[in-house]
PDB file of N, CA and C in Angstrom:
ATOM      1  N   MET A   1      78.325 129.697 111.495  1.00  0.00           N
ATOM      2  CA  MET A   1      78.598 129.019 112.752  1.00  0.00           C
ATOM      3  C   MET A   1      79.917 129.528 113.317  1.00  0.00           C
ATOM      4  N   ASP A   2      79.944 129.791 114.578  1.00  0.00           N
ATOM      5  CA  ASP A   2      81.125 130.303 115.261  1.00  0.00           C
ATOM      6  C   ASP A   2      82.151 129.186 115.425  1.00  0.00           C
ATOM      7  N   PRO A   3      83.386 129.343 114.866  1.00  0.00           N
ATOM      8  CA  PRO A   3      84.384 128.260 114.967  1.00  0.00           C
ATOM      9  C   PRO A   3      84.913 128.034 116.375  1.00  0.00           C
ATOM     10  N   THR A   4      84.689 129.008 117.276  1.00  0.00           N
ATOM     11  CA  THR A   4      85.163 128.819 118.659  1.00  0.00           C
ATOM     12  C   THR A   4      84.089 128.218 119.556  1.00  0.00           C
ATOM     13  N   ALA A   5      82.898 128.017 119.023  1.00  0.00           N
ATOM     14  CA  ALA A   5      81.804 127.442 119.811  1.00  0.00           C
ATOM     15  C   ALA A   5      82.059 125.959 120.043  1.00  0.00           C
ATOM     16  N   PRO A   6      81.740 125.452 121.239  1.00  0.00           N
ATOM     17  CA  PRO A   6      81.906 124.015 121.491  1.00  0.00           C
ATOM     18  C   PRO A   6      81.048 123.178 120.545  1.00  0.00           C
ATOM     19  N   LEU A   7      81.627 122.116 120.037  1.00  0.00           N
ATOM     20  CA  LEU A   7      80.936 121.263 119.089  1.00  0.00           C
ATOM     21  C   LEU A   7      80.515 119.944 119.723  1.00  0.00           C
ATOM     22  N   LEU A   8      81.467 119.256 120.284  1.00  0.00           N
ATOM     23  CA  LEU A   8      81.216 117.915 120.787  1.00  0.00           C
ATOM     24  C   LEU A   8      82.025 117.723 122.068  1.00  0.00           C
ATOM     25  N   PHE A   9      81.366 117.345 123.142  1.00  0.00           N
ATOM     26  CA  PHE A   9      82.009 117.126 124.443  1.00  0.00           C
ATOM     27  C   PHE A   9      82.781 118.357 124.906  1.00  0.00           C
ATOM     28  N   GLY A  10      82.308 119.547 124.538  1.00  0.00           N
ATOM     29  CA  GLY A  10      82.956 120.779 124.956  1.00  0.00           C
ATOM     30  C   GLY A  10      84.209 121.126 124.193  1.00  0.00           C
ATOM     31  N   LEU A  11      84.459 120.471 123.057  1.00  0.00           N
ATOM     32  CA  LEU A  11      85.644 120.740 122.247  1.00  0.00           C
ATOM     33  C   LEU A  11      85.264 121.561 121.021  1.00  0.00           C
ATOM     34  N   THR A  12      86.190 122.385 120.566  1.00  0.00           N
ATOM     35  CA  THR A  12      85.973 123.088 119.312  1.00  0.00           C
ATOM     36  C   THR A  12      86.282 122.140 118.162  1.00  0.00           C
ATOM     37  N   VAL A  13      85.990 122.584 116.953  1.00  0.00           N
ATOM     38  CA  VAL A  13      86.239 121.748 115.776  1.00  0.00           C
ATOM     39  C   VAL A  13      87.725 121.427 115.657  1.00  0.00           C
ATOM     40  N   ALA A  14      88.588 122.422 115.838  1.00  0.00           N
ATOM     41  CA  ALA A  14      90.034 122.206 115.700  1.00  0.00           C
ATOM     42  C   ALA A  14      90.559 121.231 116.758  1.00  0.00           C
ATOM     43  N   GLU A  15      90.097 121.380 117.994  1.00  0.00           N
ATOM     44  CA  GLU A  15      90.536 120.467 119.060  1.00  0.00           C
ATOM     45  C   GLU A  15      90.066 119.041 118.791  1.00  0.00           C
ATOM     46  N   PHE A  16      88.821 118.906 118.340  1.00  0.00           N
ATOM     47  CA  PHE A  16      88.280 117.587 118.031  1.00  0.00           C
ATOM     48  C   PHE A  16      89.053 116.936 116.891  1.00  0.00           C
ATOM     49  N   GLU A  17      89.372 117.708 115.839  1.00  0.00           N
ATOM     50  CA  GLU A  17      90.130 117.170 114.707  1.00  0.00           C
ATOM     51  C   GLU A  17      91.527 116.738 115.137  1.00  0.00           C
ATOM     52  N   ASP A  18      92.185 117.533 115.986  1.00  0.00           N
ATOM     53  CA  ASP A  18      93.532 117.204 116.437  1.00  0.00           C
ATOM     54  C   ASP A  18      93.544 115.910 117.243  1.00  0.00           C
ATOM     55  N   ILE A  19      92.610 115.774 118.174  1.00  0.00           N
ATOM     56  CA  ILE A  19      92.527 114.568 118.992  1.00  0.00           C
ATOM     57  C   ILE A  19      92.144 113.360 118.135  1.00  0.00           C
ATOM     58  N   SER A  20      91.196 113.549 117.231  1.00  0.00           N
ATOM     59  CA  SER A  20      90.767 112.448 116.366  1.00  0.00           C
ATOM     60  C   SER A  20      91.899 111.955 115.484  1.00  0.00           C
ATOM     61  N   LEU A  21      92.683 112.890 114.939  1.00  0.00           N
ATOM     62  CA  LEU A  21      93.804 112.502 114.082  1.00  0.00           C
ATOM     63  C   LEU A  21      94.798 111.657 114.858  1.00  0.00           C
ATOM     64  N   LYS A  22      95.160 112.108 116.045  1.00  0.00           N
ATOM     65  CA  LYS A  22      96.151 111.376 116.829  1.00  0.00           C
ATOM     66  C   LYS A  22      95.641 110.014 117.267  1.00  0.00           C
ATOM     67  N   VAL A  23      94.396 109.934 117.689  1.00  0.00           N
ATOM     68  CA  VAL A  23      93.838 108.660 118.166  1.00  0.00           C
ATOM     69  C   VAL A  23      93.647 107.687 117.001  1.00  0.00           C
ATOM     70  N   CYS A  24      93.055 108.161 115.911  1.00  0.00           N
ATOM     71  CA  CYS A  24      92.766 107.258 114.786  1.00  0.00           C
ATOM     72  C   CYS A  24      94.030 106.801 114.075  1.00  0.00           C
ATOM     73  N   VAL A  25      94.965 107.711 113.842  1.00  0.00           N
ATOM     74  CA  VAL A  25      96.215 107.316 113.195  1.00  0.00           C
ATOM     75  C   VAL A  25      97.035 106.440 114.135  1.00  0.00           C
ATOM     76  N   GLY A  26      96.989 106.732 115.424  1.00  0.00           N
ATOM     77  CA  GLY A  26      97.677 105.869 116.394  1.00  0.00           C
ATOM     78  C   GLY A  26      97.116 104.458 116.394  1.00  0.00           C
ATOM     79  N   GLY A  27      95.789 104.350 116.307  1.00  0.00           N
ATOM     80  CA  GLY A  27      95.157 103.029 116.212  1.00  0.00           C
ATOM     81  C   GLY A  27      95.537 102.312 114.927  1.00  0.00           C
ATOM     82  N   LEU A  28      95.609 103.064 113.832  1.00  0.00           N
ATOM     83  CA  LEU A  28      96.010 102.478 112.557  1.00  0.00           C
ATOM     84  C   LEU A  28      97.456 101.987 112.608  1.00  0.00           C
ATOM     85  N   ILE A  29      98.322 102.759 113.239  1.00  0.00           N
ATOM     86  CA  ILE A  29      99.724 102.350 113.377  1.00  0.00           C
ATOM     87  C   ILE A  29      99.824 101.080 114.224  1.00  0.00           C
ATOM     88  N   ALA A  30      99.069 101.017 115.312  1.00  0.00           N
ATOM     89  CA  ALA A  30      99.081  99.809 116.151  1.00  0.00           C
ATOM     90  C   ALA A  30      98.588  98.594 115.367  1.00  0.00           C
ATOM     91  N   TYR A  31      97.566  98.786 114.542  1.00  0.00           N
ATOM     92  CA  TYR A  31      97.049  97.681 113.726  1.00  0.00           C
ATOM     93  C   TYR A  31      98.076  97.259 112.680  1.00  0.00           C
ATOM     94  N   MET A  32      98.799  98.217 112.090  1.00  0.00           N
ATOM     95  CA  MET A  32      99.823  97.871 111.106  1.00  0.00           C
ATOM     96  C   MET A  32     100.972  97.123 111.755  1.00  0.00           C
ATOM     97  N   ILE A  33     101.323  97.476 112.985  1.00  0.00           N
ATOM     98  CA  ILE A  33     102.364  96.739 113.704  1.00  0.00           C
ATOM     99  C   ILE A  33     101.913  95.301 113.936  1.00  0.00           C
ATOM    100  N   PHE A  34     100.644  95.124 114.299  1.00  0.00           N
ATOM    101  CA  PHE A  34     100.102  93.778 114.464  1.00  0.00           C
ATOM    102  C   PHE A  34     100.176  92.995 113.149  1.00  0.00           C
ATOM    103  N   ILE A  35      99.819  93.624 112.041  1.00  0.00           N
ATOM    104  CA  ILE A  35      99.847  92.955 110.740  1.00  0.00           C
ATOM    105  C   ILE A  35     101.266  92.556 110.367  1.00  0.00           C
ATOM    106  N   ILE A  36     102.235  93.446 110.570  1.00  0.00           N
ATOM    107  CA  ILE A  36     103.633  93.129 110.251  1.00  0.00           C
ATOM    108  C   ILE A  36     104.121  91.975 111.127  1.00  0.00           C
ATOM    109  N   GLY A  37     103.783  92.000 112.419  1.00  0.00           N
ATOM    110  CA  GLY A  37     104.172  90.906 113.311  1.00  0.00           C
ATOM    111  C   GLY A  37     103.549  89.586 112.908  1.00  0.00           C
ATOM    112  N   HIS A  38     102.294  89.626 112.509  1.00  0.00           N
ATOM    113  CA  HIS A  38     101.612  88.404 112.064  1.00  0.00           C
ATOM    114  C   HIS A  38     102.241  87.881 110.770  1.00  0.00           C
ATOM    115  N   LEU A  39     102.579  88.793 109.868  1.00  0.00           N
ATOM    116  CA  LEU A  39     103.236  88.399 108.622  1.00  0.00           C
ATOM    117  C   LEU A  39     104.596  87.772 108.899  1.00  0.00           C
ATOM    118  N   ALA A  40     105.357  88.346 109.845  1.00  0.00           N
ATOM    119  CA  ALA A  40     106.663  87.784 110.205  1.00  0.00           C
ATOM    120  C   ALA A  40     106.493  86.408 110.845  1.00  0.00           C
ATOM    121  N   TRP A  41     105.473  86.232 111.670  1.00  0.00           N
ATOM    122  CA  TRP A  41     105.226  84.948 112.333  1.00  0.00           C
ATOM    123  C   TRP A  41     104.841  83.877 111.316  1.00  0.00           C
ATOM    124  N   GLU A  42     103.918  84.227 110.427  1.00  0.00           N
ATOM    125  CA  GLU A  42     103.434  83.241 109.445  1.00  0.00           C
ATOM    126  C   GLU A  42     104.513  82.844 108.437  1.00  0.00           C
ATOM    127  N   SER A  43     105.412  83.769 108.113  1.00  0.00           N
ATOM    128  CA  SER A  43     106.443  83.457 107.130  1.00  0.00           C
ATOM    129  C   SER A  43     107.645  82.764 107.756  1.00  0.00           C
ATOM    130  N   LYS A  44     107.637  82.637 109.104  1.00  0.00           N
ATOM    131  CA  LYS A  44     108.752  82.014 109.838  1.00  0.00           C
ATOM    132  C   LYS A  44     110.082  82.665 109.437  1.00  0.00           C
ATOM    133  N   SER A  45     110.088  83.995 109.486  1.00  0.00           N
ATOM    134  CA  SER A  45     111.242  84.750 108.986  1.00  0.00           C
ATOM    135  C   SER A  45     112.429  84.764 109.953  1.00  0.00           C
ATOM    136  N   GLY A  46     112.245  84.376 111.175  1.00  0.00           N
ATOM    137  CA  GLY A  46     113.335  84.406 112.144  1.00  0.00           C
ATOM    138  C   GLY A  46     113.470  85.781 112.764  1.00  0.00           C
ATOM    139  N   LYS A  47     114.428  85.894 113.678  1.00  0.00           N
ATOM    140  CA  LYS A  47     114.590  87.148 114.416  1.00  0.00           C
ATOM    141  C   LYS A  47     115.020  88.295 113.500  1.00  0.00           C
ATOM    142  N   TYR A  48     116.070  88.076 112.718  1.00  0.00           N
ATOM    143  CA  TYR A  48     116.583  89.152 111.880  1.00  0.00           C
ATOM    144  C   TYR A  48     115.643  89.464 110.717  1.00  0.00           C
ATOM    145  N   GLY A  49     114.990  88.461 110.195  1.00  0.00           N
ATOM    146  CA  GLY A  49     114.012  88.697 109.143  1.00  0.00           C
ATOM    147  C   GLY A  49     112.848  89.525 109.641  1.00  0.00           C
ATOM    148  N   ALA A  50     112.398  89.250 110.860  1.00  0.00           N
ATOM    149  CA  ALA A  50     111.298  90.018 111.446  1.00  0.00           C
ATOM    150  C   ALA A  50     111.724  91.462 111.698  1.00  0.00           C
ATOM    151  N   ILE A  51     112.944  91.649 112.165  1.00  0.00           N
ATOM    152  CA  ILE A  51     113.445  93.011 112.383  1.00  0.00           C
ATOM    153  C   ILE A  51     113.444  93.783 111.074  1.00  0.00           C
ATOM    154  N   TRP A  52     113.931  93.170 109.999  1.00  0.00           N
ATOM    155  CA  TRP A  52     113.973  93.862 108.713  1.00  0.00           C
ATOM    156  C   TRP A  52     112.580  94.085 108.139  1.00  0.00           C
ATOM    157  N   MET A  53     111.653  93.200 108.444  1.00  0.00           N
ATOM    158  CA  MET A  53     110.277  93.429 108.002  1.00  0.00           C
ATOM    159  C   MET A  53     109.690  94.634 108.727  1.00  0.00           C
ATOM    160  N   PHE A  54     109.922  94.734 110.036  1.00  0.00           N
ATOM    161  CA  PHE A  54     109.426  95.888 110.775  1.00  0.00           C
ATOM    162  C   PHE A  54     110.091  97.176 110.293  1.00  0.00           C
ATOM    163  N   VAL A  55     111.393  97.125 110.015  1.00  0.00           N
ATOM    164  CA  VAL A  55     112.090  98.319 109.530  1.00  0.00           C
ATOM    165  C   VAL A  55     111.580  98.708 108.145  1.00  0.00           C
ATOM    166  N   GLY A  56     111.536  97.752 107.250  1.00  0.00           N
ATOM    167  CA  GLY A  56     111.143  98.042 105.871  1.00  0.00           C
ATOM    168  C   GLY A  56     109.699  98.469 105.721  1.00  0.00           C
ATOM    169  N   LEU A  57     108.802  97.795 106.421  1.00  0.00           N
ATOM    170  CA  LEU A  57     107.387  98.101 106.283  1.00  0.00           C
ATOM    171  C   LEU A  57     106.925  99.205 107.233  1.00  0.00           C
ATOM    172  N   GLY A  58     107.721  99.494 108.244  1.00  0.00           N
ATOM    173  CA  GLY A  58     107.312 100.483 109.222  1.00  0.00           C
ATOM    174  C   GLY A  58     107.877 101.872 109.010  1.00  0.00           C
ATOM    175  N   VAL A  59     108.580 102.104 107.926  1.00  0.00           N
ATOM    176  CA  VAL A  59     109.196 103.401 107.681  1.00  0.00           C
ATOM    177  C   VAL A  59     108.146 104.509 107.567  1.00  0.00           C
ATOM    178  N   GLY A  60     106.996 104.219 106.999  1.00  0.00           N
ATOM    179  CA  GLY A  60     105.969 105.237 106.815  1.00  0.00           C
ATOM    180  C   GLY A  60     105.452 105.804 108.114  1.00  0.00           C
ATOM    181  N   PHE A  61     105.091 104.944 109.061  1.00  0.00           N
ATOM    182  CA  PHE A  61     104.564 105.482 110.312  1.00  0.00           C
ATOM    183  C   PHE A  61     105.663 105.983 111.227  1.00  0.00           C
ATOM    184  N   ILE A  62     106.897 105.575 111.011  1.00  0.00           N
ATOM    185  CA  ILE A  62     108.009 106.152 111.773  1.00  0.00           C
ATOM    186  C   ILE A  62     108.151 107.627 111.410  1.00  0.00           C
ATOM    187  N   GLY A  63     107.932 107.951 110.141  1.00  0.00           N
ATOM    188  CA  GLY A  63     107.966 109.347 109.705  1.00  0.00           C
ATOM    189  C   GLY A  63     106.877 110.172 110.354  1.00  0.00           C
ATOM    190  N   PHE A  64     105.684 109.606 110.495  1.00  0.00           N
ATOM    191  CA  PHE A  64     104.579 110.320 111.131  1.00  0.00           C
ATOM    192  C   PHE A  64     104.889 110.606 112.591  1.00  0.00           C
ATOM    193  N   ILE A  65     105.458 109.637 113.289  1.00  0.00           N
ATOM    194  CA  ILE A  65     105.810 109.815 114.696  1.00  0.00           C
ATOM    195  C   ILE A  65     106.956 110.824 114.820  1.00  0.00           C
ATOM    196  N   ALA A  66     107.942 110.734 113.918  1.00  0.00           N
ATOM    197  CA  ALA A  66     109.078 111.657 113.964  1.00  0.00           C
ATOM    198  C   ALA A  66     108.612 113.095 113.731  1.00  0.00           C
ATOM    199  N   LYS A  67     107.658 113.294 112.844  1.00  0.00           N
ATOM    200  CA  LYS A  67     107.131 114.630 112.579  1.00  0.00           C
ATOM    201  C   LYS A  67     106.534 115.227 113.854  1.00  0.00           C
ATOM    202  N   SER A  68     105.773 114.441 114.586  1.00  0.00           N
ATOM    203  CA  SER A  68     105.177 114.927 115.830  1.00  0.00           C
ATOM    204  C   SER A  68     106.243 115.269 116.865  1.00  0.00           C
ATOM    205  N   LEU A  69     107.267 114.422 116.979  1.00  0.00           N
ATOM    206  CA  LEU A  69     108.334 114.683 117.950  1.00  0.00           C
ATOM    207  C   LEU A  69     109.124 115.936 117.573  1.00  0.00           C
ATOM    208  N   ILE A  70     109.421 116.126 116.301  1.00  0.00           N
ATOM    209  CA  ILE A  70     110.172 117.307 115.861  1.00  0.00           C
ATOM    210  C   ILE A  70     109.367 118.579 116.124  1.00  0.00           C
ATOM    211  N   GLN A  71     108.052 118.508 115.874  1.00  0.00           N
ATOM    212  CA  GLN A  71     107.209 119.676 116.152  1.00  0.00           C
ATOM    213  C   GLN A  71     107.226 120.024 117.634  1.00  0.00           C
ATOM    214  N   LYS A  72     107.168 119.019 118.502  1.00  0.00           N
ATOM    215  CA  LYS A  72     107.204 119.281 119.942  1.00  0.00           C
ATOM    216  C   LYS A  72     108.552 119.866 120.370  1.00  0.00           C
ATOM    217  N   LEU A  73     109.642 119.301 119.832  1.00  0.00           N
ATOM    218  CA  LEU A  73     110.979 119.793 120.207  1.00  0.00           C
ATOM    219  C   LEU A  73     111.209 121.234 119.765  1.00  0.00           C
ATOM    220  N   LEU A  74     110.700 121.593 118.589  1.00  0.00           N
ATOM    221  CA  LEU A  74     110.887 122.948 118.080  1.00  0.00           C
ATOM    222  C   LEU A  74     109.829 123.923 118.554  1.00  0.00           C
ATOM    223  N   GLY A  75     108.784 123.402 119.213  1.00  0.00           N
ATOM    224  CA  GLY A  75     107.727 124.265 119.716  1.00  0.00           C
ATOM    225  C   GLY A  75     106.830 124.817 118.618  1.00  0.00           C
ATOM    226  N   ILE A  76     106.681 124.095 117.536  1.00  0.00           N
ATOM    227  CA  ILE A  76     105.902 124.562 116.384  1.00  0.00           C
ATOM    228  C   ILE A  76     104.412 124.346 116.596  1.00  0.00           C
ATOM    229  N   GLU A  77     104.024 123.361 117.338  1.00  0.00           N
ATOM    230  CA  GLU A  77     102.614 123.001 117.527  1.00  0.00           C
ATOM    231  C   GLU A  77     101.803 124.153 117.807  1.00  0.00           C
TER     232      GLU A  77
END
């Protein structure tokens, strides 16, 4: 199979994978933010407790976002 041939909606496999990764991981990050906010609300952690929960639990997806920004700034993409 030709890797440059359109696969789905006129996209190649690489283009489809790139878009899917960004959309699906972005959706997962949004859902994790919702979960952290719900956890902060249910635990009645207060303003500073909620901030530290977002910082502590959100470090993983902050790294994913930072990686994308660094790639764009350096022109590596």
